[in-house]
Amino acid sequence: MHELSITQEILEIVTKAVPAGQLGLVREIRLKIGEEGHLLPESLLFCFEALKADFGMPESKMELIRVPVTAECKSCGAVSPIVNQIYQCVSCKGTSLKVLTGNELQVTEILLED
């Protein structure tokens, strides 16, 4: 389960970003996660719940913001959503595509209590 090591890395990023002595004030961590990232959101949240106290953030929550997969057609330039992992342009039916979104894994916000 690589979600465990990814969650550890996320918590280490937060630890480095939050001023010393304020980790207990972390209320929420917002994370963009691409649908093509091959991560199980439920496993990521489970690992977060299991590890957050060890990192000094026992009351914190994690919000996952799912990012859909989109791709640009190299033939006609149209941007298409990718549904059911079918990589085909909706305009010209071409299959030569450049993936634009859907592989994200990014901490976007760390919210602290006032």
PDB file of N, CA and C in Angstrom:
ATOM      1  N   MET A   1       0.850  -1.175   0.000  1.00  0.00           N
ATOM      2  CA  MET A   1       0.000   0.000   0.000  1.00  0.00           C
ATOM      3  C   MET A   1       0.898   1.241   0.000  1.00  0.00           C
ATOM      4  N   HIS A   2       1.039   1.875  -1.163  1.00  0.00           N
ATOM      5  CA  HIS A   2       1.891   3.060  -1.229  1.00  0.00           C
ATOM      6  C   HIS A   2       1.199   4.302  -0.671  1.00  0.00           C
ATOM      7  N   GLU A   3      -0.081   4.218  -0.368  1.00  0.00           N
ATOM      8  CA  GLU A   3      -0.779   5.344   0.251  1.00  0.00           C
ATOM      9  C   GLU A   3      -0.168   5.694   1.608  1.00  0.00           C
ATOM     10  N   LEU A   4       0.347   4.701   2.322  1.00  0.00           N
ATOM     11  CA  LEU A   4       0.961   4.947   3.625  1.00  0.00           C
ATOM     12  C   LEU A   4       2.190   5.845   3.487  1.00  0.00           C
ATOM     13  N   SER A   5       3.089   5.495   2.584  1.00  0.00           N
ATOM     14  CA  SER A   5       4.302   6.317   2.426  1.00  0.00           C
ATOM     15  C   SER A   5       3.964   7.694   1.848  1.00  0.00           C
ATOM     16  N   ILE A   6       2.965   7.773   0.986  1.00  0.00           N
ATOM     17  CA  ILE A   6       2.542   9.071   0.445  1.00  0.00           C
ATOM     18  C   ILE A   6       1.955   9.936   1.548  1.00  0.00           C
ATOM     19  N   THR A   7       1.153   9.340   2.415  1.00  0.00           N
ATOM     20  CA  THR A   7       0.578  10.092   3.536  1.00  0.00           C
ATOM     21  C   THR A   7       1.678  10.590   4.470  1.00  0.00           C
ATOM     22  N   GLN A   8       2.678   9.777   4.708  1.00  0.00           N
ATOM     23  CA  GLN A   8       3.807  10.215   5.535  1.00  0.00           C
ATOM     24  C   GLN A   8       4.497  11.420   4.905  1.00  0.00           C
ATOM     25  N   GLU A   9       4.693  11.381   3.591  1.00  0.00           N
ATOM     26  CA  GLU A   9       5.316  12.506   2.891  1.00  0.00           C
ATOM     27  C   GLU A   9       4.457  13.764   2.985  1.00  0.00           C
ATOM     28  N   ILE A  10       3.143  13.614   2.851  1.00  0.00           N
ATOM     29  CA  ILE A  10       2.234  14.763   2.964  1.00  0.00           C
ATOM     30  C   ILE A  10       2.348  15.384   4.347  1.00  0.00           C
ATOM     31  N   LEU A  11       2.357  14.561   5.375  1.00  0.00           N
ATOM     32  CA  LEU A  11       2.458  15.066   6.745  1.00  0.00           C
ATOM     33  C   LEU A  11       3.820  15.706   7.006  1.00  0.00           C
ATOM     34  N   GLU A  12       4.857  15.201   6.374  1.00  0.00           N
ATOM     35  CA  GLU A  12       6.176  15.832   6.510  1.00  0.00           C
ATOM     36  C   GLU A  12       6.199  17.197   5.821  1.00  0.00           C
ATOM     37  N   ILE A  13       5.519  17.320   4.693  1.00  0.00           N
ATOM     38  CA  ILE A  13       5.405  18.613   4.004  1.00  0.00           C
ATOM     39  C   ILE A  13       4.701  19.617   4.911  1.00  0.00           C
ATOM     40  N   VAL A  14       3.625  19.185   5.542  1.00  0.00           N
ATOM     41  CA  VAL A  14       2.882  20.062   6.448  1.00  0.00           C
ATOM     42  C   VAL A  14       3.757  20.445   7.634  1.00  0.00           C
ATOM     43  N   THR A  15       4.485  19.498   8.176  1.00  0.00           N
ATOM     44  CA  THR A  15       5.367  19.750   9.318  1.00  0.00           C
ATOM     45  C   THR A  15       6.405  20.825   8.992  1.00  0.00           C
ATOM     46  N   LYS A  16       6.929  20.789   7.777  1.00  0.00           N
ATOM     47  CA  LYS A  16       7.922  21.779   7.361  1.00  0.00           C
ATOM     48  C   LYS A  16       7.296  23.145   7.076  1.00  0.00           C
ATOM     49  N   ALA A  17       6.030  23.155   6.655  1.00  0.00           N
ATOM     50  CA  ALA A  17       5.373  24.405   6.270  1.00  0.00           C
ATOM     51  C   ALA A  17       4.790  25.176   7.451  1.00  0.00           C
ATOM     52  N   VAL A  18       4.431  24.475   8.511  1.00  0.00           N
ATOM     53  CA  VAL A  18       3.782  25.107   9.668  1.00  0.00           C
ATOM     54  C   VAL A  18       4.858  25.568  10.651  1.00  0.00           C
ATOM     55  N   PRO A  19       4.742  26.801  11.159  1.00  0.00           N
ATOM     56  CA  PRO A  19       5.732  27.292  12.119  1.00  0.00           C
ATOM     57  C   PRO A  19       5.856  26.378  13.346  1.00  0.00           C
ATOM     58  N   ALA A  20       7.046  26.336  13.883  1.00  0.00           N
ATOM     59  CA  ALA A  20       7.335  25.497  15.050  1.00  0.00           C
ATOM     60  C   ALA A  20       6.343  25.782  16.181  1.00  0.00           C
ATOM     61  N   GLY A  21       5.881  24.722  16.805  1.00  0.00           N
ATOM     62  CA  GLY A  21       4.968  24.854  17.932  1.00  0.00           C
ATOM     63  C   GLY A  21       3.508  25.042  17.558  1.00  0.00           C
ATOM     64  N   GLN A  22       3.201  25.079  16.260  1.00  0.00           N
ATOM     65  CA  GLN A  22       1.825  25.318  15.847  1.00  0.00           C
ATOM     66  C   GLN A  22       1.172  24.121  15.149  1.00  0.00           C
ATOM     67  N   LEU A  23       1.823  22.984  15.146  1.00  0.00           N
ATOM     68  CA  LEU A  23       1.252  21.808  14.486  1.00  0.00           C
ATOM     69  C   LEU A  23      -0.084  21.405  15.087  1.00  0.00           C
ATOM     70  N   GLY A  24      -0.243  21.593  16.394  1.00  0.00           N
ATOM     71  CA  GLY A  24      -1.507  21.270  17.052  1.00  0.00           C
ATOM     72  C   GLY A  24      -2.655  22.159  16.608  1.00  0.00           C
ATOM     73  N   LEU A  25      -2.339  23.261  15.929  1.00  0.00           N
ATOM     74  CA  LEU A  25      -3.371  24.178  15.436  1.00  0.00           C
ATOM     75  C   LEU A  25      -3.849  23.840  14.026  1.00  0.00           C
ATOM     76  N   VAL A  26      -3.219  22.834  13.398  1.00  0.00           N
ATOM     77  CA  VAL A  26      -3.631  22.468  12.046  1.00  0.00           C
ATOM     78  C   VAL A  26      -5.042  21.901  12.111  1.00  0.00           C
ATOM     79  N   ARG A  27      -5.954  22.577  11.425  1.00  0.00           N
ATOM     80  CA  ARG A  27      -7.365  22.189  11.420  1.00  0.00           C
ATOM     81  C   ARG A  27      -7.690  21.337  10.200  1.00  0.00           C
ATOM     82  N   GLU A  28      -7.126  21.717   9.049  1.00  0.00           N
ATOM     83  CA  GLU A  28      -7.454  20.998   7.819  1.00  0.00           C
ATOM     84  C   GLU A  28      -6.304  21.092   6.828  1.00  0.00           C
ATOM     85  N   ILE A  29      -6.094  20.002   6.120  1.00  0.00           N
ATOM     86  CA  ILE A  29      -5.116  19.937   5.033  1.00  0.00           C
ATOM     87  C   ILE A  29      -5.906  19.642   3.771  1.00  0.00           C
ATOM     88  N   ARG A  30      -5.751  20.497   2.771  1.00  0.00           N
ATOM     89  CA  ARG A  30      -6.457  20.290   1.503  1.00  0.00           C
ATOM     90  C   ARG A  30      -5.455  19.781   0.477  1.00  0.00           C
ATOM     91  N   LEU A  31      -5.883  18.751  -0.204  1.00  0.00           N
ATOM     92  CA  LEU A  31      -4.995  18.045  -1.111  1.00  0.00           C
ATOM     93  C   LEU A  31      -5.686  17.819  -2.449  1.00  0.00           C
ATOM     94  N   LYS A  32      -5.052  18.250  -3.539  1.00  0.00           N
ATOM     95  CA  LYS A  32      -5.558  17.941  -4.880  1.00  0.00           C
ATOM     96  C   LYS A  32      -5.029  16.560  -5.254  1.00  0.00           C
ATOM     97  N   ILE A  33      -5.935  15.717  -5.705  1.00  0.00           N
ATOM     98  CA  ILE A  33      -5.553  14.363  -6.081  1.00  0.00           C
ATOM     99  C   ILE A  33      -6.187  14.029  -7.426  1.00  0.00           C
ATOM    100  N   GLY A  34      -5.348  13.733  -8.399  1.00  0.00           N
ATOM    101  CA  GLY A  34      -5.832  13.420  -9.741  1.00  0.00           C
ATOM    102  C   GLY A  34      -6.471  12.050  -9.805  1.00  0.00           C
ATOM    103  N   GLU A  35      -7.521  11.955 -10.593  1.00  0.00           N
ATOM    104  CA  GLU A  35      -8.225  10.682 -10.729  1.00  0.00           C
ATOM    105  C   GLU A  35      -7.392   9.627 -11.437  1.00  0.00           C
ATOM    106  N   GLU A  36      -6.365  10.037 -12.143  1.00  0.00           N
ATOM    107  CA  GLU A  36      -5.501   9.093 -12.842  1.00  0.00           C
ATOM    108  C   GLU A  36      -4.245   8.786 -12.024  1.00  0.00           C
ATOM    109  N   GLY A  37      -4.209   9.289 -10.785  1.00  0.00           N
ATOM    110  CA  GLY A  37      -3.032   9.121  -9.944  1.00  0.00           C
ATOM    111  C   GLY A  37      -2.866   7.750  -9.341  1.00  0.00           C
ATOM    112  N   HIS A  38      -3.811   6.870  -9.546  1.00  0.00           N
ATOM    113  CA  HIS A  38      -3.745   5.492  -9.057  1.00  0.00           C
ATOM    114  C   HIS A  38      -3.615   5.411  -7.539  1.00  0.00           C
ATOM    115  N   LEU A  39      -4.236   6.367  -6.853  1.00  0.00           N
ATOM    116  CA  LEU A  39      -4.291   6.339  -5.399  1.00  0.00           C
ATOM    117  C   LEU A  39      -5.731   6.064  -4.984  1.00  0.00           C
ATOM    118  N   LEU A  40      -5.890   5.315  -3.939  1.00  0.00           N
ATOM    119  CA  LEU A  40      -7.219   5.050  -3.401  1.00  0.00           C
ATOM    120  C   LEU A  40      -7.522   6.104  -2.348  1.00  0.00           C
ATOM    121  N   PRO A  41      -8.468   7.002  -2.619  1.00  0.00           N
ATOM    122  CA  PRO A  41      -8.776   8.068  -1.658  1.00  0.00           C
ATOM    123  C   PRO A  41      -9.121   7.538  -0.272  1.00  0.00           C
ATOM    124  N   GLU A  42      -9.873   6.447  -0.194  1.00  0.00           N
ATOM    125  CA  GLU A  42     -10.253   5.885   1.105  1.00  0.00           C
ATOM    126  C   GLU A  42      -9.025   5.418   1.881  1.00  0.00           C
ATOM    127  N   SER A  43      -8.070   4.824   1.178  1.00  0.00           N
ATOM    128  CA  SER A  43      -6.838   4.369   1.835  1.00  0.00           C
ATOM    129  C   SER A  43      -5.995   5.545   2.298  1.00  0.00           C
ATOM    130  N   LEU A  44      -5.947   6.589   1.485  1.00  0.00           N
ATOM    131  CA  LEU A  44      -5.202   7.790   1.854  1.00  0.00           C
ATOM    132  C   LEU A  44      -5.782   8.410   3.125  1.00  0.00           C
ATOM    133  N   LEU A  45      -7.107   8.507   3.182  1.00  0.00           N
ATOM    134  CA  LEU A  45      -7.764   9.062   4.373  1.00  0.00           C
ATOM    135  C   LEU A  45      -7.573   8.151   5.593  1.00  0.00           C
ATOM    136  N   PHE A  46      -7.622   6.855   5.391  1.00  0.00           N
ATOM    137  CA  PHE A  46      -7.402   5.905   6.487  1.00  0.00           C
ATOM    138  C   PHE A  46      -5.996   6.071   7.060  1.00  0.00           C
ATOM    139  N   CYS A  47      -5.009   6.139   6.170  1.00  0.00           N
ATOM    140  CA  CYS A  47      -3.622   6.317   6.609  1.00  0.00           C
ATOM    141  C   CYS A  47      -3.442   7.650   7.332  1.00  0.00           C
ATOM    142  N   PHE A  48      -4.088   8.689   6.822  1.00  0.00           N
ATOM    143  CA  PHE A  48      -4.011  10.000   7.466  1.00  0.00           C
ATOM    144  C   PHE A  48      -4.547   9.925   8.894  1.00  0.00           C
ATOM    145  N   GLU A  49      -5.700   9.298   9.075  1.00  0.00           N
ATOM    146  CA  GLU A  49      -6.293   9.171  10.412  1.00  0.00           C
ATOM    147  C   GLU A  49      -5.371   8.382  11.344  1.00  0.00           C
ATOM    148  N   ALA A  50      -4.678   7.392  10.805  1.00  0.00           N
ATOM    149  CA  ALA A  50      -3.784   6.565  11.619  1.00  0.00           C
ATOM    150  C   ALA A  50      -2.501   7.289  12.007  1.00  0.00           C
ATOM    151  N   LEU A  51      -2.052   8.237  11.178  1.00  0.00           N
ATOM    152  CA  LEU A  51      -0.745   8.868  11.384  1.00  0.00           C
ATOM    153  C   LEU A  51      -0.776  10.283  11.950  1.00  0.00           C
ATOM    154  N   LYS A  52      -1.882  10.984  11.828  1.00  0.00           N
ATOM    155  CA  LYS A  52      -1.893  12.421  12.139  1.00  0.00           C
ATOM    156  C   LYS A  52      -1.473  12.736  13.572  1.00  0.00           C
ATOM    157  N   ALA A  53      -1.847  11.925  14.533  1.00  0.00           N
ATOM    158  CA  ALA A  53      -1.453  12.180  15.925  1.00  0.00           C
ATOM    159  C   ALA A  53       0.053  12.034  16.104  1.00  0.00           C
ATOM    160  N   ASP A  54       0.666  11.083  15.397  1.00  0.00           N
ATOM    161  CA  ASP A  54       2.118  10.885  15.478  1.00  0.00           C
ATOM    162  C   ASP A  54       2.888  12.098  14.971  1.00  0.00           C
ATOM    163  N   PHE A  55       2.253  12.904  14.132  1.00  0.00           N
ATOM    164  CA  PHE A  55       2.882  14.100  13.593  1.00  0.00           C
ATOM    165  C   PHE A  55       2.458  15.365  14.345  1.00  0.00           C
ATOM    166  N   GLY A  56       1.751  15.193  15.468  1.00  0.00           N
ATOM    167  CA  GLY A  56       1.367  16.333  16.296  1.00  0.00           C
ATOM    168  C   GLY A  56       0.146  17.081  15.830  1.00  0.00           C
ATOM    169  N   MET A  57      -0.697  16.439  15.017  1.00  0.00           N
ATOM    170  CA  MET A  57      -1.894  17.089  14.477  1.00  0.00           C
ATOM    171  C   MET A  57      -3.132  16.227  14.749  1.00  0.00           C
ATOM    172  N   PRO A  58      -3.393  15.891  16.009  1.00  0.00           N
ATOM    173  CA  PRO A  58      -4.452  14.913  16.313  1.00  0.00           C
ATOM    174  C   PRO A  58      -5.863  15.341  15.923  1.00  0.00           C
ATOM    175  N   GLU A  59      -6.137  16.632  15.860  1.00  0.00           N
ATOM    176  CA  GLU A  59      -7.495  17.107  15.556  1.00  0.00           C
ATOM    177  C   GLU A  59      -7.680  17.515  14.099  1.00  0.00           C
ATOM    178  N   SER A  60      -6.666  17.331  13.282  1.00  0.00           N
ATOM    179  CA  SER A  60      -6.737  17.799  11.900  1.00  0.00           C
ATOM    180  C   SER A  60      -7.565  16.862  11.026  1.00  0.00           C
ATOM    181  N   LYS A  61      -8.024  17.422   9.911  1.00  0.00           N
ATOM    182  CA  LYS A  61      -8.787  16.675   8.917  1.00  0.00           C
ATOM    183  C   LYS A  61      -8.101  16.862   7.572  1.00  0.00           C
ATOM    184  N   MET A  62      -8.384  15.931   6.661  1.00  0.00           N
ATOM    185  CA  MET A  62      -7.856  16.061   5.309  1.00  0.00           C
ATOM    186  C   MET A  62      -9.023  16.100   4.331  1.00  0.00           C
ATOM    187  N   GLU A  63      -9.006  17.112   3.471  1.00  0.00           N
ATOM    188  CA  GLU A  63     -10.010  17.212   2.417  1.00  0.00           C
ATOM    189  C   GLU A  63      -9.330  16.878   1.098  1.00  0.00           C
ATOM    190  N   LEU A  64      -9.905  15.926   0.370  1.00  0.00           N
ATOM    191  CA  LEU A  64      -9.380  15.549  -0.931  1.00  0.00           C
ATOM    192  C   LEU A  64     -10.205  16.219  -2.018  1.00  0.00           C
ATOM    193  N   ILE A  65      -9.533  16.941  -2.875  1.00  0.00           N
ATOM    194  CA  ILE A  65     -10.179  17.605  -4.000  1.00  0.00           C
ATOM    195  C   ILE A  65      -9.803  16.811  -5.244  1.00  0.00           C
ATOM    196  N   ARG A  66     -10.769  16.090  -5.786  1.00  0.00           N
ATOM    197  CA  ARG A  66     -10.512  15.220  -6.938  1.00  0.00           C
ATOM    198  C   ARG A  66     -10.395  16.053  -8.210  1.00  0.00           C
ATOM    199  N   VAL A  67      -9.390  15.751  -9.017  1.00  0.00           N
ATOM    200  CA  VAL A  67      -9.158  16.450 -10.272  1.00  0.00           C
ATOM    201  C   VAL A  67      -9.398  15.456 -11.411  1.00  0.00           C
ATOM    202  N   PRO A  68     -10.358  15.748 -12.279  1.00  0.00           N
ATOM    203  CA  PRO A  68     -10.652  14.822 -13.373  1.00  0.00           C
ATOM    204  C   PRO A  68      -9.531  14.805 -14.415  1.00  0.00           C
ATOM    205  N   VAL A  69      -9.510  13.753 -15.189  1.00  0.00           N
ATOM    206  CA  VAL A  69      -8.524  13.628 -16.258  1.00  0.00           C
ATOM    207  C   VAL A  69      -9.035  14.367 -17.491  1.00  0.00           C
ATOM    208  N   THR A  70      -8.198  15.242 -18.020  1.00  0.00           N
ATOM    209  CA  THR A  70      -8.488  15.911 -19.281  1.00  0.00           C
ATOM    210  C   THR A  70      -7.262  15.792 -20.183  1.00  0.00           C
ATOM    211  N   ALA A  71      -7.503  15.835 -21.483  1.00  0.00           N
ATOM    212  CA  ALA A  71      -6.397  15.713 -22.434  1.00  0.00           C
ATOM    213  C   ALA A  71      -6.651  16.610 -23.635  1.00  0.00           C
ATOM    214  N   GLU A  72      -5.565  17.061 -24.234  1.00  0.00           N
ATOM    215  CA  GLU A  72      -5.635  17.876 -25.444  1.00  0.00           C
ATOM    216  C   GLU A  72      -5.268  17.012 -26.642  1.00  0.00           C
ATOM    217  N   CYS A  73      -6.092  17.088 -27.670  1.00  0.00           N
ATOM    218  CA  CYS A  73      -5.855  16.319 -28.889  1.00  0.00           C
ATOM    219  C   CYS A  73      -4.711  16.963 -29.673  1.00  0.00           C
ATOM    220  N   LYS A  74      -3.722  16.165 -30.054  1.00  0.00           N
ATOM    221  CA  LYS A  74      -2.602  16.686 -30.829  1.00  0.00           C
ATOM    222  C   LYS A  74      -2.984  16.935 -32.288  1.00  0.00           C
ATOM    223  N   SER A  75      -4.106  16.359 -32.710  1.00  0.00           N
ATOM    224  CA  SER A  75      -4.552  16.548 -34.096  1.00  0.00           C
ATOM    225  C   SER A  75      -5.374  17.814 -34.273  1.00  0.00           C
ATOM    226  N   CYS A  76      -6.424  17.975 -33.442  1.00  0.00           N
ATOM    227  CA  CYS A  76      -7.343  19.114 -33.643  1.00  0.00           C
ATOM    228  C   CYS A  76      -7.265  20.170 -32.541  1.00  0.00           C
ATOM    229  N   GLY A  77      -6.570  19.876 -31.442  1.00  0.00           N
ATOM    230  CA  GLY A  77      -6.402  20.848 -30.368  1.00  0.00           C
ATOM    231  C   GLY A  77      -7.532  20.894 -29.358  1.00  0.00           C
ATOM    232  N   ALA A  78      -8.559  20.093 -29.542  1.00  0.00           N
ATOM    233  CA  ALA A  78      -9.683  20.086 -28.597  1.00  0.00           C
ATOM    234  C   ALA A  78      -9.255  19.495 -27.255  1.00  0.00           C
ATOM    235  N   VAL A  79      -9.825  20.038 -26.195  1.00  0.00           N
ATOM    236  CA  VAL A  79      -9.588  19.515 -24.857  1.00  0.00           C
ATOM    237  C   VAL A  79     -10.791  18.658 -24.477  1.00  0.00           C
ATOM    238  N   SER A  80     -10.520  17.429 -24.097  1.00  0.00           N
ATOM    239  CA  SER A  80     -11.586  16.467 -23.819  1.00  0.00           C
ATOM    240  C   SER A  80     -11.445  15.884 -22.422  1.00  0.00           C
ATOM    241  N   PRO A  81     -12.576  15.628 -21.765  1.00  0.00           N
ATOM    242  CA  PRO A  81     -12.513  14.857 -20.528  1.00  0.00           C
ATOM    243  C   PRO A  81     -12.263  13.391 -20.878  1.00  0.00           C
ATOM    244  N   ILE A  82     -11.531  12.714 -20.042  1.00  0.00           N
ATOM    245  CA  ILE A  82     -11.273  11.286 -20.240  1.00  0.00           C
ATOM    246  C   ILE A  82     -12.180  10.536 -19.273  1.00  0.00           C
ATOM    247  N   VAL A  83     -13.069   9.747 -19.827  1.00  0.00           N
ATOM    248  CA  VAL A  83     -14.045   9.018 -19.029  1.00  0.00           C
ATOM    249  C   VAL A  83     -13.808   7.524 -19.208  1.00  0.00           C
ATOM    250  N   ASN A  84     -13.819   6.800 -18.112  1.00  0.00           N
ATOM    251  CA  ASN A  84     -13.627   5.344 -18.134  1.00  0.00           C
ATOM    252  C   ASN A  84     -12.312   4.936 -18.793  1.00  0.00           C
ATOM    253  N   GLN A  85     -11.302   5.766 -18.644  1.00  0.00           N
ATOM    254  CA  GLN A  85      -9.964   5.528 -19.183  1.00  0.00           C
ATOM    255  C   GLN A  85      -9.955   5.300 -20.691  1.00  0.00           C
ATOM    256  N   ILE A  86     -10.886   5.938 -21.397  1.00  0.00           N
ATOM    257  CA  ILE A  86     -10.921   5.869 -22.856  1.00  0.00           C
ATOM    258  C   ILE A  86     -10.265   7.145 -23.381  1.00  0.00           C
ATOM    259  N   TYR A  87      -9.041   7.009 -23.836  1.00  0.00           N
ATOM    260  CA  TYR A  87      -8.266   8.150 -24.299  1.00  0.00           C
ATOM    261  C   TYR A  87      -8.548   8.391 -25.773  1.00  0.00           C
ATOM    262  N   GLN A  88      -9.615   9.165 -26.016  1.00  0.00           N
ATOM    263  CA  GLN A  88     -10.025   9.483 -27.374  1.00  0.00           C
ATOM    264  C   GLN A  88     -10.624  10.885 -27.390  1.00  0.00           C
ATOM    265  N   CYS A  89     -10.259  11.667 -28.381  1.00  0.00           N
ATOM    266  CA  CYS A  89     -10.786  13.022 -28.540  1.00  0.00           C
ATOM    267  C   CYS A  89     -12.279  12.966 -28.830  1.00  0.00           C
ATOM    268  N   VAL A  90     -13.051  13.787 -28.133  1.00  0.00           N
ATOM    269  CA  VAL A  90     -14.494  13.803 -28.367  1.00  0.00           C
ATOM    270  C   VAL A  90     -14.847  14.524 -29.670  1.00  0.00           C
ATOM    271  N   SER A  91     -13.943  15.352 -30.170  1.00  0.00           N
ATOM    272  CA  SER A  91     -14.223  16.096 -31.406  1.00  0.00           C
ATOM    273  C   SER A  91     -13.904  15.293 -32.667  1.00  0.00           C
ATOM    274  N   CYS A  92     -12.652  14.811 -32.764  1.00  0.00           N
ATOM    275  CA  CYS A  92     -12.225  14.154 -34.007  1.00  0.00           C
ATOM    276  C   CYS A  92     -11.994  12.653 -33.858  1.00  0.00           C
ATOM    277  N   LYS A  93     -12.172  12.156 -32.648  1.00  0.00           N
ATOM    278  CA  LYS A  93     -11.976  10.727 -32.332  1.00  0.00           C
ATOM    279  C   LYS A  93     -10.522  10.297 -32.412  1.00  0.00           C
ATOM    280  N   GLY A  94      -9.607  11.264 -32.477  1.00  0.00           N
ATOM    281  CA  GLY A  94      -8.186  10.950 -32.506  1.00  0.00           C
ATOM    282  C   GLY A  94      -7.717  10.369 -31.177  1.00  0.00           C
ATOM    283  N   THR A  95      -6.604   9.654 -31.225  1.00  0.00           N
ATOM    284  CA  THR A  95      -6.076   9.024 -30.008  1.00  0.00           C
ATOM    285  C   THR A  95      -4.684   9.535 -29.632  1.00  0.00           C
ATOM    286  N   SER A  96      -4.184  10.513 -30.356  1.00  0.00           N
ATOM    287  CA  SER A  96      -2.903  11.116 -30.013  1.00  0.00           C
ATOM    288  C   SER A  96      -3.190  12.303 -29.095  1.00  0.00           C
ATOM    289  N   LEU A  97      -3.077  12.065 -27.797  1.00  0.00           N
ATOM    290  CA  LEU A  97      -3.484  13.054 -26.801  1.00  0.00           C
ATOM    291  C   LEU A  97      -2.352  13.396 -25.845  1.00  0.00           C
ATOM    292  N   LYS A  98      -2.422  14.614 -25.339  1.00  0.00           N
ATOM    293  CA  LYS A  98      -1.512  15.056 -24.280  1.00  0.00           C
ATOM    294  C   LYS A  98      -2.352  15.247 -23.029  1.00  0.00           C
ATOM    295  N   VAL A  99      -2.026  14.508 -21.969  1.00  0.00           N
ATOM    296  CA  VAL A  99      -2.775  14.610 -20.715  1.00  0.00           C
ATOM    297  C   VAL A  99      -2.475  15.958 -20.067  1.00  0.00           C
ATOM    298  N   LEU A 100      -3.534  16.694 -19.720  1.00  0.00           N
ATOM    299  CA  LEU A 100      -3.388  18.014 -19.106  1.00  0.00           C
ATOM    300  C   LEU A 100      -3.591  17.970 -17.593  1.00  0.00           C
ATOM    301  N   THR A 101      -4.601  17.249 -17.152  1.00  0.00           N
ATOM    302  CA  THR A 101      -4.900  17.161 -15.721  1.00  0.00           C
ATOM    303  C   THR A 101      -5.252  15.721 -15.361  1.00  0.00           C
ATOM    304  N   GLY A 102      -5.178  15.441 -14.069  1.00  0.00           N
ATOM    305  CA  GLY A 102      -5.578  14.133 -13.582  1.00  0.00           C
ATOM    306  C   GLY A 102      -4.475  13.362 -12.899  1.00  0.00           C
ATOM    307  N   ASN A 103      -3.243  13.884 -12.937  1.00  0.00           N
ATOM    308  CA  ASN A 103      -2.121  13.222 -12.268  1.00  0.00           C
ATOM    309  C   ASN A 103      -1.639  13.992 -11.042  1.00  0.00           C
ATOM    310  N   GLU A 104      -2.414  14.978 -10.618  1.00  0.00           N
ATOM    311  CA  GLU A 104      -1.996  15.840  -9.512  1.00  0.00           C
ATOM    312  C   GLU A 104      -1.924  15.089  -8.184  1.00  0.00           C
ATOM    313  N   LEU A 105      -1.006  15.529  -7.375  1.00  0.00           N
ATOM    314  CA  LEU A 105      -0.932  15.161  -5.961  1.00  0.00           C
ATOM    315  C   LEU A 105      -0.226  16.340  -5.301  1.00  0.00           C
ATOM    316  N   GLN A 106      -1.032  17.246  -4.737  1.00  0.00           N
ATOM    317  CA  GLN A 106      -0.482  18.521  -4.278  1.00  0.00           C
ATOM    318  C   GLN A 106      -1.214  19.009  -3.036  1.00  0.00           C
ATOM    319  N   VAL A 107      -0.434  19.375  -2.027  1.00  0.00           N
ATOM    320  CA  VAL A 107      -1.004  20.047  -0.862  1.00  0.00           C
ATOM    321  C   VAL A 107      -1.286  21.480  -1.304  1.00  0.00           C
ATOM    322  N   THR A 108      -2.566  21.869  -1.284  1.00  0.00           N
ATOM    323  CA  THR A 108      -2.923  23.201  -1.755  1.00  0.00           C
ATOM    324  C   THR A 108      -3.149  24.197  -0.627  1.00  0.00           C
ATOM    325  N   GLU A 109      -3.610  23.704   0.536  1.00  0.00           N
ATOM    326  CA  GLU A 109      -3.857  24.597   1.654  1.00  0.00           C
ATOM    327  C   GLU A 109      -3.644  23.862   2.976  1.00  0.00           C
ATOM    328  N   ILE A 110      -3.169  24.618   3.939  1.00  0.00           N
ATOM    329  CA  ILE A 110      -3.060  24.142   5.318  1.00  0.00           C
ATOM    330  C   ILE A 110      -3.770  25.187   6.168  1.00  0.00           C
ATOM    331  N   LEU A 111      -4.897  24.809   6.748  1.00  0.00           N
ATOM    332  CA  LEU A 111      -5.678  25.746   7.535  1.00  0.00           C
ATOM    333  C   LEU A 111      -5.393  25.550   9.019  1.00  0.00           C
ATOM    334  N   LEU A 112      -5.137  26.660   9.706  1.00  0.00           N
ATOM    335  CA  LEU A 112      -4.867  26.632  11.141  1.00  0.00           C
ATOM    336  C   LEU A 112      -6.038  27.242  11.909  1.00  0.00           C
ATOM    337  N   GLU A 113      -6.209  26.818  13.140  1.00  0.00           N
ATOM    338  CA  GLU A 113      -7.218  27.441  13.999  1.00  0.00           C
ATOM    339  C   GLU A 113      -6.818  28.871  14.271  1.00  0.00           C
ATOM    340  N   ASP A 114      -7.823  29.725  14.441  1.00  0.00           N
ATOM    341  CA  ASP A 114      -7.557  31.148  14.735  1.00  0.00           C
ATOM    342  C   ASP A 114      -7.038  31.333  16.136  1.00  0.00           C
TER     343      ASP A 114
END
